[in-house]
């Protein structure tokens, strides 16, 4: 399950990396592409779900010990991947629409 989640995350991130320059460069043209906004909203939801799940998913520490303590899991996540995941989950498309980017 974790492996599949990482594959899905990489595919979603790849889509965002490839589509973001097109979205920014051709903002007026992409407004008419409803499917693109649907995909972007779904990806934002996936990223947000990933952030929430990461607070409860166990991990293996440097000593090869499975960590199951919720406080340790939370502290580890907050000190490692949390900032990157929050940036990924941020609804960039909605912010661009709200700011009237052109």
Protein backbone atom coordinates (compact mmCIF):
# COMPACT_ATOMS: atom_id res chain seq x y z
CA UNK A 1 0.00 0.00 0.00
CA UNK A 2 2.82 2.42 0.87
CA UNK A 3 4.62 1.61 -2.38
CA UNK A 4 1.46 2.26 -4.42
CA UNK A 5 0.87 5.52 -2.55
CA UNK A 6 4.37 6.68 -3.46
CA UNK A 7 3.85 5.78 -7.12
CA UNK A 8 0.58 7.72 -7.18
CA UNK A 9 2.29 10.65 -5.44
CA UNK A 10 5.09 10.67 -8.04
CA UNK A 11 2.62 10.55 -10.94
CA UNK A 12 0.56 13.38 -9.42
CA UNK A 13 3.68 15.45 -8.78
CA UNK A 14 4.85 14.82 -12.35
CA UNK A 15 1.50 16.01 -13.67
CA UNK A 16 1.71 19.16 -11.57
CA UNK A 17 5.29 19.85 -12.68
CA UNK A 18 4.40 19.45 -16.35
CA UNK A 19 1.08 21.25 -16.32
CA UNK A 20 1.96 24.20 -14.08
CA UNK A 21 4.08 26.06 -16.68
CA UNK A 22 1.35 25.59 -19.29
CA UNK A 23 -1.26 26.80 -16.82
CA UNK A 24 0.74 29.91 -15.93
CA UNK A 25 1.83 30.67 -19.49
CA UNK A 26 -1.61 30.25 -21.04
CA UNK A 27 -3.84 31.18 -18.12
CA UNK A 28 -6.66 32.66 -20.21
CA UNK A 29 -6.79 29.62 -22.49
CA UNK A 30 -6.70 27.09 -19.66
CA UNK A 31 -9.69 28.69 -17.92
CA UNK A 32 -11.94 27.01 -20.48
CA UNK A 33 -10.46 23.56 -19.74
CA UNK A 34 -12.82 22.30 -17.06
CA UNK A 35 -11.16 18.87 -16.99
CA UNK A 36 -7.87 20.49 -16.02
CA UNK A 37 -9.47 22.19 -13.01
CA UNK A 38 -11.13 18.92 -12.01
CA UNK A 39 -7.78 17.12 -12.09
CA UNK A 40 -6.08 19.94 -10.16
CA UNK A 41 -8.77 19.86 -7.46
CA UNK A 42 -8.53 16.07 -7.17
CA UNK A 43 -4.75 16.30 -6.84
CA UNK A 44 -5.04 18.95 -4.14
CA UNK A 45 -7.41 16.62 -2.26
CA UNK A 46 -4.98 13.72 -2.68
CA UNK A 47 -2.10 15.78 -1.35
CA UNK A 48 -4.18 16.92 1.64
CA UNK A 49 -5.18 13.32 2.38
CA UNK A 50 -1.52 12.31 2.17
CA UNK A 51 -0.63 14.97 4.75
CA UNK A 52 -3.33 13.72 7.15
CA UNK A 53 -2.36 10.06 6.72
CA UNK A 54 1.31 10.79 7.31
CA UNK A 55 0.52 11.76 10.90
CA UNK A 56 -0.60 8.20 11.69
CA UNK A 57 1.57 6.00 9.44
CA UNK A 58 4.34 4.16 11.22
CA UNK A 59 7.93 4.36 10.02
CA UNK A 60 11.26 2.61 10.52
CA UNK A 61 13.84 4.74 12.33
CA UNK A 62 17.63 4.81 11.83
CA UNK A 63 18.05 1.82 14.16
CA UNK A 64 15.72 -0.29 11.97
CA UNK A 65 13.02 -0.25 14.64
CA UNK A 66 9.37 0.19 13.72
CA UNK A 67 8.06 3.32 15.43
CA UNK A 68 4.39 3.08 16.46
CA UNK A 69 4.19 5.79 19.14
CA UNK A 70 1.86 8.52 17.78
CA UNK A 71 3.88 11.33 19.39
CA UNK A 72 7.13 10.09 17.82
CA UNK A 73 5.43 9.63 14.45
CA UNK A 74 4.05 13.18 14.58
CA UNK A 75 7.36 14.71 15.62
CA UNK A 76 9.25 12.79 12.94
CA UNK A 77 6.82 13.83 10.22
CA UNK A 78 6.80 17.47 11.29
CA UNK A 79 10.61 17.55 11.21
CA UNK A 80 11.00 15.79 7.82
CA UNK A 81 8.42 15.91 5.00
CA UNK A 82 5.64 18.06 6.47
CA UNK A 83 6.70 21.38 4.90
CA UNK A 84 7.08 19.86 1.43
CA UNK A 85 3.74 18.08 1.68
CA UNK A 86 1.95 21.27 2.76
CA UNK A 87 3.43 23.15 -0.21
CA UNK A 88 2.26 20.36 -2.51
CA UNK A 89 -1.22 20.36 -0.97
CA UNK A 90 -1.60 24.12 -1.25
CA UNK A 91 -4.37 24.88 -3.82
CA UNK A 92 -2.20 26.82 -6.29
CA UNK A 93 -4.90 26.88 -8.98
CA UNK A 94 -7.53 28.34 -6.69
CA UNK A 95 -5.11 30.98 -5.47
CA UNK A 96 -4.27 31.93 -9.05
CA UNK A 97 -7.98 32.26 -9.86
CA UNK A 98 -8.66 34.29 -6.73
CA UNK A 99 -5.81 36.67 -7.41
CA UNK A 100 -6.92 37.18 -11.00
CA UNK A 101 -3.59 36.08 -12.45
CA UNK A 102 -3.25 36.64 -16.15
